[in-house]
Amino acid sequence: MSVTMKHEVYEQLVQTKLLPLYTATNLDYLDKVEEILLKNGVPLIEVTFRSDRAAEAIKKLSESGKLTVGAGTVRTLKEAKIAVENGAKFVVSPAVVPEVIEFCLEQEIPVFPGTATPRDIQIAADYGLTVVKFFPADIYGGLDAINALSGPFYDMKFLPTGGITKDNFVSYLDNPHVIGVGGSFILSEKVIMEDNGEKMDRILQSLVEQM
């Protein structure tokens, strides 16, 4: 099976350009997370498997159907299965994990494997993928690397994460090879907990206005 760029997740990413990376440790703030994202026109969220509350958070955020919820930092087939069972509509990995890619393709779920080298990208291309995560973007050459890699991989789009900040994300989005950017700078549980989301709402509003 294959997943084309016409899939809803890709279309939303093209329109929104921001993929919030969120690590949930306290589920009490998930309603606020949904509120902030919807208010600012960002209907996507990547909930990372960097805490033991990931599956619960994915399930809770998926229940209302208002957000397109995905799973991030998915390193194993077991995590991918747990994510999908709890409502994840897409999967993001920090590396190329063949069994995760194959499972997602079988389920017709978009998967964004983490790539940093031509070999990584070629493996993803061999699976028929046309969008890959570029990670960690700042360590592996940033926009210079993306431009260089886009020569031979002219038919690949990139989702850079790692070292993307409020100060440089616009320059990434201006690059024609970039479909969107991801990162915790877009949405942070820690910031939400400071004042129940008021500061986070202002930060996200500012990011959206810069695009």
Protein backbone atom coordinates (compact mmCIF):
# COMPACT_ATOMS: atom_id res chain seq x y z
CA MET A 1 0.00 0.00 0.00
CA SER A 2 1.06 3.60 -0.39
CA VAL A 3 0.16 6.93 1.11
CA THR A 4 0.05 9.84 -1.33
CA MET A 5 0.54 13.55 -0.82
CA LYS A 6 -3.25 13.89 -1.25
CA HIS A 7 -3.72 12.35 2.19
CA GLU A 8 -5.41 14.75 4.61
CA VAL A 9 -2.37 14.91 6.91
CA TYR A 10 -0.09 16.12 4.12
CA GLU A 11 -2.67 18.64 2.93
CA GLN A 12 -3.06 20.02 6.46
CA LEU A 13 0.70 20.26 6.87
CA VAL A 14 1.05 22.13 3.58
CA GLN A 15 -1.61 24.60 4.71
CA THR A 16 -0.57 24.95 8.35
CA LYS A 17 3.23 24.65 7.90
CA LEU A 18 3.65 24.09 11.65
CA LEU A 19 3.79 20.71 13.37
CA PRO A 20 3.79 21.19 17.16
CA LEU A 21 5.86 18.60 18.99
CA TYR A 22 4.33 18.01 22.40
CA THR A 23 5.49 15.85 25.30
CA ALA A 24 2.65 15.21 27.73
CA THR A 25 3.38 14.58 31.39
CA ASN A 26 0.13 16.00 32.78
CA LEU A 27 -3.10 15.12 30.98
CA ASP A 28 -5.02 17.87 32.77
CA TYR A 29 -3.71 20.42 30.27
CA LEU A 30 -4.81 18.63 27.09
CA ASP A 31 -8.08 20.55 26.82
CA LYS A 32 -6.06 23.76 26.93
CA VAL A 33 -3.69 22.36 24.29
CA GLU A 34 -6.63 21.72 21.97
CA GLU A 35 -8.08 25.16 22.65
CA ILE A 36 -4.81 26.99 21.90
CA LEU A 37 -4.13 25.09 18.69
CA LEU A 38 -7.63 25.48 17.29
CA LYS A 39 -7.80 29.15 18.22
CA ASN A 40 -4.63 29.80 16.21
CA GLY A 41 -5.53 27.66 13.22
CA VAL A 42 -3.07 24.85 13.87
CA PRO A 43 -5.08 21.60 13.72
CA LEU A 44 -2.08 19.25 13.93
CA ILE A 45 -0.13 17.91 16.90
CA GLU A 46 2.65 15.35 17.30
CA VAL A 47 2.53 13.75 20.74
CA THR A 48 5.93 12.25 21.49
CA PHE A 49 6.76 8.93 23.08
CA ARG A 50 9.14 10.75 25.41
CA SER A 51 6.88 10.18 28.39
CA ASP A 52 4.84 7.27 29.68
CA ARG A 53 1.65 9.29 29.16
CA ALA A 54 1.98 9.40 25.36
CA ALA A 55 -0.63 6.77 24.52
CA GLU A 56 -3.16 8.28 26.95
CA ALA A 57 -2.56 11.75 25.58
CA ILE A 58 -2.98 10.60 21.97
CA LYS A 59 -6.22 8.86 22.88
CA LYS A 60 -7.64 11.83 24.80
CA LEU A 61 -6.73 14.38 22.11
CA SER A 62 -8.12 12.12 19.38
CA GLU A 63 -11.49 11.62 21.04
CA SER A 64 -12.96 15.01 20.18
CA GLY A 65 -11.97 14.69 16.53
CA LYS A 66 -11.05 18.37 16.34
CA LEU A 67 -7.30 17.85 15.97
CA THR A 68 -5.32 15.59 13.70
CA VAL A 69 -3.20 13.78 16.27
CA GLY A 70 0.00 11.95 15.46
CA ALA A 71 2.71 10.15 17.39
CA GLY A 72 6.31 11.26 17.55
CA THR A 73 9.62 9.76 18.66
CA VAL A 74 8.30 6.39 17.52
CA ARG A 75 11.31 4.09 17.53
CA THR A 76 9.74 0.63 17.57
CA LEU A 77 6.96 -1.32 15.91
CA LYS A 78 5.35 -1.77 19.33
CA GLU A 79 5.14 2.00 19.83
CA ALA A 80 3.72 2.46 16.34
CA LYS A 81 0.99 -0.10 17.02
CA ILE A 82 0.15 1.46 20.39
CA ALA A 83 -0.03 4.89 18.78
CA VAL A 84 -2.40 3.79 16.03
CA GLU A 85 -4.56 1.79 18.45
CA ASN A 86 -5.04 4.97 20.45
CA GLY A 87 -6.00 7.10 17.48
CA ALA A 88 -2.78 8.42 15.93
CA LYS A 89 -3.33 9.49 12.33
CA PHE A 90 0.36 9.81 11.46
CA VAL A 91 3.71 8.66 12.82
CA VAL A 92 7.04 10.47 13.12
CA SER A 93 10.31 8.69 13.88
CA PRO A 94 13.75 10.08 14.79
CA ALA A 95 15.39 7.68 12.32
CA VAL A 96 14.60 5.31 9.47
CA VAL A 97 12.95 2.33 11.17
CA PRO A 98 11.93 -0.15 8.44
CA GLU A 99 9.34 -2.06 10.49
CA VAL A 100 7.65 1.19 11.52
CA ILE A 101 7.55 2.43 7.93
CA GLU A 102 6.19 -0.89 6.67
CA PHE A 103 3.49 -1.02 9.36
CA CYS A 104 2.35 2.53 8.59
CA LEU A 105 2.21 1.85 4.87
CA GLU A 106 0.14 -1.28 5.52
CA GLN A 107 -2.24 0.80 7.64
CA GLU A 108 -2.22 3.61 5.05
CA ILE A 109 -1.01 6.04 7.68
CA PRO A 110 1.47 8.80 6.79
CA VAL A 111 4.91 8.20 8.27
CA PHE A 112 7.75 10.68 8.51
CA PRO A 113 11.06 8.87 9.15
CA GLY A 114 13.96 10.88 10.47
CA THR A 115 16.70 11.32 7.88
CA ALA A 116 20.04 13.10 7.80
CA THR A 117 22.02 11.51 4.97
CA PRO A 118 21.54 10.61 1.30
CA ARG A 119 21.36 6.93 2.29
CA ASP A 120 18.54 7.63 4.77
CA ILE A 121 16.59 9.55 2.16
CA GLN A 122 17.13 6.90 -0.49
CA ILE A 123 15.77 4.20 1.82
CA ALA A 124 12.68 6.32 2.44
CA ALA A 125 12.30 6.93 -1.29
CA ASP A 126 12.54 3.20 -1.96
CA TYR A 127 9.46 2.79 0.23
CA GLY A 128 7.66 5.31 -1.96
CA LEU A 129 7.75 8.13 0.58
CA THR A 130 7.86 11.68 -0.74
CA VAL A 131 8.19 13.55 2.57
CA VAL A 132 10.84 12.88 5.21
CA LYS A 133 11.74 14.41 8.51
CA PHE A 134 15.18 16.07 8.45
CA PHE A 135 16.65 15.68 11.91
CA PRO A 136 18.45 17.18 13.72
CA ALA A 137 18.35 19.95 11.17
CA ASP A 138 20.77 22.33 12.86
CA ILE A 139 23.45 19.68 13.46
CA TYR A 140 23.25 18.24 9.94
CA GLY A 141 23.61 21.46 7.99
CA GLY A 142 20.25 23.19 8.11
CA LEU A 143 19.07 24.87 4.93
CA ASP A 144 22.42 24.41 3.18
CA ALA A 145 22.07 20.65 3.60
CA ILE A 146 18.44 20.65 2.49
CA ASN A 147 19.34 22.61 -0.64
CA ALA A 148 22.21 20.24 -1.43
CA LEU A 149 20.13 17.11 -0.81
CA SER A 150 17.30 18.48 -2.92
CA GLY A 151 19.53 18.27 -5.99
CA PRO A 152 19.55 14.49 -6.33
CA PHE A 153 16.35 14.12 -4.32
CA TYR A 154 14.41 16.68 -6.33
CA ASP A 155 11.14 14.79 -5.76
CA MET A 156 11.45 14.74 -1.95
CA LYS A 157 10.04 17.29 0.50
CA PHE A 158 11.50 17.88 3.93
CA LEU A 159 10.03 18.38 7.40
CA PRO A 160 12.97 19.79 9.39
CA THR A 161 13.05 19.56 13.17
CA GLY A 162 15.80 19.99 15.72
CA GLY A 163 17.24 23.44 16.21
CA ILE A 164 14.25 25.14 14.58
CA THR A 165 13.31 28.21 16.62
CA LYS A 166 11.06 31.24 16.56
CA ASP A 167 14.02 33.15 15.12
CA ASN A 168 14.77 30.93 12.11
CA PHE A 169 11.60 28.98 11.28
CA VAL A 170 10.41 31.47 8.66
CA SER A 171 13.62 31.07 6.65
CA TYR A 172 12.99 27.31 6.58
CA LEU A 173 9.38 27.78 5.50
CA ASP A 174 10.50 30.07 2.68
CA ASN A 175 12.50 27.20 1.19
CA PRO A 176 10.58 25.46 -1.64
CA HIS A 177 11.85 22.04 -0.56
CA VAL A 178 10.35 22.40 2.94
CA ILE A 179 6.75 21.30 3.48
CA GLY A 180 6.65 22.53 7.09
CA VAL A 181 8.65 22.65 10.30
CA GLY A 182 8.26 20.82 13.59
CA GLY A 183 9.43 21.44 17.10
CA SER A 184 8.60 22.08 20.72
CA PHE A 185 9.09 25.82 20.18
CA ILE A 186 5.57 25.79 18.71
CA LEU A 187 3.88 24.24 21.73
CA SER A 188 5.24 23.44 25.18
CA GLU A 189 3.56 21.84 28.18
CA LYS A 190 6.01 23.66 30.44
CA VAL A 191 4.98 27.04 29.06
CA ILE A 192 1.28 26.17 29.26
CA MET A 193 1.66 25.22 32.91
CA GLU A 194 3.12 28.64 33.75
CA ASP A 195 -0.19 30.47 33.46
CA ASN A 196 -2.69 27.95 32.07
CA GLY A 197 -1.80 28.73 28.48
CA GLU A 198 -2.04 32.51 28.22
CA LYS A 199 1.64 32.97 27.37
CA MET A 200 1.61 29.96 25.06
CA ASP A 201 -1.37 31.35 23.19
CA ARG A 202 0.47 34.62 22.59
CA ILE A 203 3.60 32.80 21.42
CA LEU A 204 1.71 30.65 18.93
CA GLN A 205 -0.27 33.63 17.68
CA SER A 206 3.02 35.45 17.05
CA LEU A 207 4.43 32.48 15.13
CA VAL A 208 1.36 32.25 12.91
CA GLU A 209 1.45 35.98 12.21
CA GLN A 210 5.06 35.75 11.01
CA MET A 211 4.25 33.28 8.26
